[in-house]
Amino acid sequence: MDSFSTGSGGSGSPELSTDQLIEQVKAQLAQAYAEEFLEVLREKCFDKCITKPGSSLSGSESSCISRCVDRYIEATGIVAKALFNASQ
């Protein structure tokens, strides 16, 4: 059974209201966005900061990762704010 129906008696008919369905789709989109954001962040910062992959991070790699994540999040916030302001 899919996540959009809870069919009682095996009918498979949707039991979610339109508002509930919209909220569920919004939540799934937010989760997908977060997963994509983390994947892009991981790729960019890993490629930039990890020069010799091993079982642990060196001090410089750890610092680089921290700065990279901070800057990427800051840049994403700036872009999002600009897009939001442009749409108003």
N, C-alpha and C. Protein backbone atom coordinates (compact mmCIF):
# COMPACT_ATOMS: atom_id res chain seq x y z
N MET A 1 0.84 -1.17 0.00
CA MET A 1 0.00 0.00 0.00
C MET A 1 0.89 1.24 0.00
N ASP A 2 0.54 2.24 -0.77
CA ASP A 2 1.37 3.45 -0.84
C ASP A 2 1.08 4.38 0.33
N SER A 3 1.88 5.43 0.45
CA SER A 3 1.75 6.35 1.58
C SER A 3 0.59 7.32 1.43
N PHE A 4 -0.11 7.28 0.30
CA PHE A 4 -1.22 8.21 0.07
C PHE A 4 -2.56 7.59 0.39
N SER A 5 -2.60 6.31 0.67
CA SER A 5 -3.87 5.68 1.00
C SER A 5 -3.68 4.72 2.15
N THR A 6 -4.73 4.60 2.92
CA THR A 6 -4.67 3.70 4.05
C THR A 6 -5.79 2.68 3.97
N GLY A 7 -6.30 2.48 2.80
CA GLY A 7 -7.46 1.65 2.48
C GLY A 7 -7.92 0.70 3.55
N SER A 8 -9.10 0.95 4.09
CA SER A 8 -9.67 0.01 5.03
C SER A 8 -10.42 -1.04 4.24
N GLY A 9 -10.27 -2.27 4.64
CA GLY A 9 -10.94 -3.35 3.95
C GLY A 9 -10.34 -3.65 2.60
N GLY A 10 -9.13 -3.16 2.32
CA GLY A 10 -8.45 -3.47 1.08
C GLY A 10 -8.97 -2.73 -0.13
N SER A 11 -9.79 -1.70 0.07
CA SER A 11 -10.34 -0.98 -1.08
C SER A 11 -9.31 -0.11 -1.77
N GLY A 12 -8.29 0.35 -1.02
CA GLY A 12 -7.24 1.17 -1.60
C GLY A 12 -7.67 2.59 -1.90
N SER A 13 -8.84 3.00 -1.42
CA SER A 13 -9.31 4.35 -1.71
C SER A 13 -8.60 5.35 -0.82
N PRO A 14 -8.24 6.51 -1.38
CA PRO A 14 -7.54 7.53 -0.58
C PRO A 14 -8.44 8.03 0.55
N GLU A 15 -7.85 8.20 1.72
CA GLU A 15 -8.61 8.71 2.86
C GLU A 15 -8.08 10.06 3.33
N LEU A 16 -7.18 10.66 2.57
CA LEU A 16 -6.60 11.96 2.94
C LEU A 16 -7.43 13.07 2.30
N SER A 17 -7.63 14.14 3.06
CA SER A 17 -8.28 15.30 2.49
C SER A 17 -7.29 15.99 1.54
N THR A 18 -7.79 16.91 0.76
CA THR A 18 -6.92 17.65 -0.15
C THR A 18 -5.85 18.41 0.61
N ASP A 19 -6.22 19.02 1.72
CA ASP A 19 -5.25 19.76 2.54
C ASP A 19 -4.18 18.83 3.11
N GLN A 20 -4.60 17.65 3.56
CA GLN A 20 -3.63 16.69 4.09
C GLN A 20 -2.69 16.21 2.99
N LEU A 21 -3.22 15.99 1.82
CA LEU A 21 -2.40 15.56 0.69
C LEU A 21 -1.39 16.63 0.32
N ILE A 22 -1.83 17.88 0.29
CA ILE A 22 -0.93 19.00 -0.02
C ILE A 22 0.17 19.08 1.03
N GLU A 23 -0.17 18.95 2.30
CA GLU A 23 0.83 19.01 3.36
C GLU A 23 1.81 17.85 3.25
N GLN A 24 1.31 16.66 2.89
CA GLN A 24 2.19 15.51 2.74
C GLN A 24 3.16 15.72 1.57
N VAL A 25 2.68 16.25 0.46
CA VAL A 25 3.54 16.53 -0.69
C VAL A 25 4.57 17.59 -0.33
N LYS A 26 4.15 18.64 0.38
CA LYS A 26 5.09 19.67 0.82
C LYS A 26 6.20 19.07 1.69
N ALA A 27 5.82 18.19 2.60
CA ALA A 27 6.81 17.56 3.47
C ALA A 27 7.77 16.69 2.67
N GLN A 28 7.25 15.97 1.70
CA GLN A 28 8.11 15.12 0.87
C GLN A 28 9.05 15.97 0.01
N LEU A 29 8.56 17.08 -0.51
CA LEU A 29 9.40 17.98 -1.29
C LEU A 29 10.49 18.59 -0.42
N ALA A 30 10.13 18.98 0.79
CA ALA A 30 11.12 19.55 1.71
C ALA A 30 12.20 18.52 2.03
N GLN A 31 11.79 17.28 2.24
CA GLN A 31 12.76 16.23 2.52
C GLN A 31 13.66 15.98 1.31
N ALA A 32 13.08 15.95 0.12
CA ALA A 32 13.88 15.74 -1.09
C ALA A 32 14.86 16.89 -1.29
N TYR A 33 14.41 18.13 -1.02
CA TYR A 33 15.30 19.29 -1.15
C TYR A 33 16.45 19.19 -0.16
N ALA A 34 16.13 18.82 1.07
CA ALA A 34 17.17 18.70 2.09
C ALA A 34 18.19 17.62 1.71
N GLU A 35 17.71 16.50 1.21
CA GLU A 35 18.62 15.43 0.80
C GLU A 35 19.51 15.87 -0.35
N GLU A 36 18.92 16.57 -1.32
CA GLU A 36 19.72 17.06 -2.46
C GLU A 36 20.73 18.10 -2.00
N PHE A 37 20.32 18.99 -1.11
CA PHE A 37 21.20 20.01 -0.57
C PHE A 37 22.40 19.37 0.11
N LEU A 38 22.14 18.36 0.95
CA LEU A 38 23.23 17.69 1.64
C LEU A 38 24.15 16.93 0.69
N GLU A 39 23.59 16.35 -0.36
CA GLU A 39 24.41 15.63 -1.34
C GLU A 39 25.32 16.60 -2.10
N VAL A 40 24.79 17.71 -2.54
CA VAL A 40 25.60 18.71 -3.25
C VAL A 40 26.67 19.27 -2.31
N LEU A 41 26.27 19.55 -1.08
CA LEU A 41 27.21 20.06 -0.09
C LEU A 41 28.33 19.06 0.15
N ARG A 42 27.97 17.80 0.30
CA ARG A 42 28.96 16.76 0.52
C ARG A 42 29.93 16.67 -0.66
N GLU A 43 29.38 16.67 -1.86
CA GLU A 43 30.24 16.57 -3.05
C GLU A 43 31.19 17.76 -3.14
N LYS A 44 30.67 18.95 -3.02
CA LYS A 44 31.50 20.14 -3.18
C LYS A 44 32.58 20.23 -2.09
N CYS A 45 32.17 20.07 -0.85
CA CYS A 45 33.12 20.22 0.24
C CYS A 45 34.10 19.05 0.30
N PHE A 46 33.65 17.86 -0.01
CA PHE A 46 34.56 16.71 -0.01
C PHE A 46 35.61 16.91 -1.09
N ASP A 47 35.17 17.25 -2.30
CA ASP A 47 36.12 17.44 -3.40
C ASP A 47 37.12 18.55 -3.09
N LYS A 48 36.67 19.60 -2.43
CA LYS A 48 37.54 20.72 -2.14
C LYS A 48 38.49 20.45 -0.97
N CYS A 49 37.99 19.75 0.05
CA CYS A 49 38.73 19.69 1.32
C CYS A 49 39.47 18.39 1.60
N ILE A 50 39.01 17.30 1.05
CA ILE A 50 39.61 16.01 1.40
C ILE A 50 40.60 15.62 0.31
N THR A 51 41.87 15.80 0.62
CA THR A 51 42.91 15.53 -0.38
C THR A 51 43.40 14.09 -0.31
N LYS A 52 43.39 13.51 0.88
CA LYS A 52 43.84 12.13 1.07
C LYS A 52 42.83 11.40 1.94
N PRO A 53 41.79 10.80 1.32
CA PRO A 53 40.78 10.10 2.12
C PRO A 53 41.40 9.03 3.00
N GLY A 54 40.93 8.95 4.22
CA GLY A 54 41.42 7.96 5.17
C GLY A 54 40.35 7.67 6.19
N SER A 55 40.76 7.11 7.31
CA SER A 55 39.78 6.72 8.33
C SER A 55 39.38 7.89 9.23
N SER A 56 40.09 8.99 9.16
CA SER A 56 39.73 10.17 9.95
C SER A 56 40.17 11.43 9.22
N LEU A 57 39.62 12.56 9.66
CA LEU A 57 39.96 13.84 9.06
C LEU A 57 41.15 14.46 9.78
N SER A 58 42.03 15.08 9.02
CA SER A 58 43.10 15.85 9.64
C SER A 58 42.51 17.15 10.16
N GLY A 59 43.27 17.87 10.93
CA GLY A 59 42.81 19.16 11.46
C GLY A 59 42.49 20.15 10.35
N SER A 60 43.34 20.20 9.33
CA SER A 60 43.11 21.15 8.23
C SER A 60 41.89 20.72 7.41
N GLU A 61 41.68 19.43 7.23
CA GLU A 61 40.51 18.95 6.48
C GLU A 61 39.23 19.28 7.27
N SER A 62 39.27 19.08 8.57
CA SER A 62 38.11 19.38 9.41
C SER A 62 37.78 20.87 9.36
N SER A 63 38.79 21.72 9.45
CA SER A 63 38.57 23.17 9.36
C SER A 63 38.02 23.56 8.00
N CYS A 64 38.58 22.96 6.95
CA CYS A 64 38.13 23.25 5.59
C CYS A 64 36.66 22.87 5.41
N ILE A 65 36.30 21.67 5.89
CA ILE A 65 34.91 21.20 5.79
C ILE A 65 33.98 22.17 6.51
N SER A 66 34.36 22.57 7.71
CA SER A 66 33.53 23.49 8.50
C SER A 66 33.32 24.82 7.77
N ARG A 67 34.41 25.38 7.26
CA ARG A 67 34.31 26.66 6.52
C ARG A 67 33.49 26.47 5.24
N CYS A 68 33.71 25.38 4.54
CA CYS A 68 32.99 25.13 3.29
C CYS A 68 31.48 25.03 3.54
N VAL A 69 31.10 24.28 4.55
CA VAL A 69 29.68 24.13 4.89
C VAL A 69 29.09 25.48 5.27
N ASP A 70 29.79 26.23 6.12
CA ASP A 70 29.29 27.55 6.53
C ASP A 70 29.09 28.47 5.32
N ARG A 71 30.06 28.50 4.44
CA ARG A 71 29.96 29.39 3.26
C ARG A 71 28.88 28.93 2.30
N TYR A 72 28.75 27.63 2.12
CA TYR A 72 27.72 27.11 1.20
C TYR A 72 26.33 27.43 1.73
N ILE A 73 26.13 27.25 3.03
CA ILE A 73 24.83 27.57 3.63
C ILE A 73 24.56 29.06 3.53
N GLU A 74 25.57 29.89 3.80
CA GLU A 74 25.41 31.34 3.68
C GLU A 74 25.06 31.74 2.25
N ALA A 75 25.77 31.18 1.29
CA ALA A 75 25.52 31.51 -0.12
C ALA A 75 24.12 31.07 -0.54
N THR A 76 23.70 29.90 -0.10
CA THR A 76 22.36 29.41 -0.43
C THR A 76 21.30 30.34 0.16
N GLY A 77 21.53 30.82 1.39
CA GLY A 77 20.60 31.76 2.01
C GLY A 77 20.52 33.07 1.26
N ILE A 78 21.64 33.56 0.78
CA ILE A 78 21.67 34.81 0.00
C ILE A 78 20.89 34.65 -1.30
N VAL A 79 21.11 33.53 -1.98
CA VAL A 79 20.40 33.26 -3.24
C VAL A 79 18.91 33.13 -2.98
N ALA A 80 18.53 32.38 -1.95
CA ALA A 80 17.13 32.20 -1.63
C ALA A 80 16.46 33.53 -1.31
N LYS A 81 17.15 34.36 -0.53
CA LYS A 81 16.60 35.68 -0.18
C LYS A 81 16.42 36.54 -1.43
N ALA A 82 17.41 36.52 -2.32
CA ALA A 82 17.30 37.30 -3.56
C ALA A 82 16.14 36.81 -4.42
N LEU A 83 15.98 35.50 -4.51
CA LEU A 83 14.86 34.95 -5.29
C LEU A 83 13.53 35.31 -4.67
N PHE A 84 13.45 35.23 -3.35
CA PHE A 84 12.22 35.57 -2.65
C PHE A 84 11.86 37.03 -2.87
N ASN A 85 12.86 37.92 -2.74
CA ASN A 85 12.62 39.35 -2.93
C ASN A 85 12.25 39.67 -4.37
N ALA A 86 12.85 38.96 -5.32
CA ALA A 86 12.56 39.20 -6.73
C ALA A 86 11.15 38.77 -7.10
N SER A 87 10.61 37.79 -6.36
CA SER A 87 9.27 37.29 -6.69
C SER A 87 8.16 38.17 -6.10
N GLN A 88 8.55 39.14 -5.27
CA GLN A 88 7.52 40.00 -4.64
C GLN A 88 7.32 41.27 -5.40
